[in-house]
Structures are given as C-alpha cells and as structure tokens.
Protein backbone atom coordinates (compact mmCIF):
# COMPACT_ATOMS: atom_id res chain seq x y z
CA MET A 1 94.55 111.67 48.11
CA ASP A 2 97.52 113.83 49.03
CA LYS A 3 100.73 111.77 49.12
CA LYS A 4 102.86 114.19 51.11
CA THR A 5 104.82 112.82 54.02
CA ILE A 6 104.01 114.32 57.38
CA LEU A 7 106.89 114.80 59.81
CA PHE A 8 105.98 113.58 63.29
CA ASN A 9 108.05 114.69 66.26
CA ALA A 10 107.23 112.41 69.19
CA ALA A 11 109.33 114.39 71.68
CA LYS A 12 107.52 117.63 70.87
CA THR A 13 104.14 115.91 71.11
CA GLN A 14 105.10 114.40 74.46
CA LYS A 15 106.10 117.80 75.86
CA ARG A 16 102.80 119.30 74.80
CA THR A 17 100.93 116.41 76.37
CA THR A 18 102.89 116.74 79.60
CA LYS A 19 102.16 120.48 79.74
CA GLU A 20 98.47 119.87 79.13
CA ILE A 21 98.39 117.22 81.85
CA LEU A 22 100.10 119.51 84.35
CA GLU A 23 97.69 122.33 83.54
CA THR A 24 94.71 120.00 84.01
CA VAL A 25 96.05 118.68 87.31
CA TYR A 26 96.79 122.20 88.56
CA THR A 27 93.31 123.42 87.62
CA SER A 28 91.70 120.40 89.28
CA LEU A 29 93.61 121.00 92.50
CA GLU A 30 92.68 124.70 92.52
CA GLU A 31 89.00 123.87 91.86
CA CYS A 32 89.05 121.66 94.97
CA GLY A 33 90.51 124.46 97.09
CA TYR A 34 94.10 123.19 97.25
CA ASN A 35 97.26 125.13 96.52
CA GLY A 36 98.07 123.48 93.20
CA ILE A 37 101.80 124.20 93.27
CA ASP A 38 102.29 122.92 96.82
CA GLN A 39 100.35 119.74 96.12
CA MET A 40 102.20 119.03 92.88
CA VAL A 41 105.59 119.60 94.55
CA GLY A 42 104.57 117.19 97.30
CA TYR A 43 103.67 114.59 94.71
CA ILE A 44 106.87 115.06 92.69
CA LEU A 45 109.11 114.80 95.76
CA SER A 46 107.36 111.89 97.46
CA GLY A 47 105.64 109.97 94.67
CA ASP A 48 102.57 109.75 96.90
CA PRO A 49 99.49 110.05 94.66
CA SER A 50 97.33 111.18 97.58
CA TYR A 51 98.75 114.70 97.05
CA ILE A 52 96.72 114.83 93.83
CA THR A 53 92.94 114.95 93.78
CA SER A 54 90.98 112.43 91.74
CA HIS A 55 88.76 115.33 90.54
CA ASN A 56 88.73 115.40 86.70
CA ASN A 57 90.91 112.23 86.74
CA ALA A 58 93.88 114.38 87.78
CA ARG A 59 95.50 111.58 89.79
CA LEU A 60 95.26 109.16 86.87
CA LEU A 61 96.61 111.76 84.44
CA ILE A 62 99.66 112.70 86.50
CA SER A 63 100.48 109.06 87.18
CA ARG A 64 101.06 108.65 83.41
CA ILE A 65 104.08 110.96 83.61
CA ASP A 66 107.39 109.55 84.84
CA ARG A 67 108.45 111.77 87.75
CA ASP A 68 112.14 111.80 86.74
CA GLU A 69 111.22 112.90 83.24
CA LEU A 70 108.89 115.51 84.70
CA VAL A 71 111.67 117.03 86.81
CA GLU A 72 113.95 117.00 83.76
CA GLU A 73 111.34 118.84 81.67
CA ILE A 74 110.74 121.39 84.42
CA LEU A 75 114.48 122.12 84.68
CA LYS A 76 114.85 122.42 80.92
CA ALA A 77 111.95 124.86 80.75
CA TYR A 78 113.24 126.87 83.69
CA LEU A 79 116.76 127.08 82.27
CA ASN A 80 115.52 127.53 78.68
CA LYS A 81 117.51 124.49 77.50
C-alpha cells in the first residue's frame, strides 16, 4: 500500500462541481427548448426554482448551490480573480 499523503483542495473541488452543475442545468434547459442563460438569470435573481426545468434533475442540482456563492463565483470567473 502506498503511504503518500494526497492533498485535497475542497475549494477547487467545489468550483468544479459548481461548473458541472451549471453545465448540466444549462444543457437540460436547452434540451427542453428554453433559453438556458435567460432561465438561469431569472433563477439567480429571483430564487424562484420554477425558472429551472426538472428535466435531468436540473432543479434539484441547482438548488444545491447557494445563490450568493454562485454570483460570487461568476464574478470571479468574469474578472479573472
């Protein structure tokens, strides 16, 4: 058995998970004929889950992300911070 210590970065893992969730939600919305960006913006601004389809469990997935943290991550990515 290898006894090396593995470094685990929870913040990096969380970002990847958030990105994957957003991609899944976007794809699900597009598959149902919605404008994915418009629907996701509506959800982020209002908090109303009815903006997100339940197709592929998209509504459940996006509800796992705190909206304030989501906006923070979006701004960081946009500003490269």
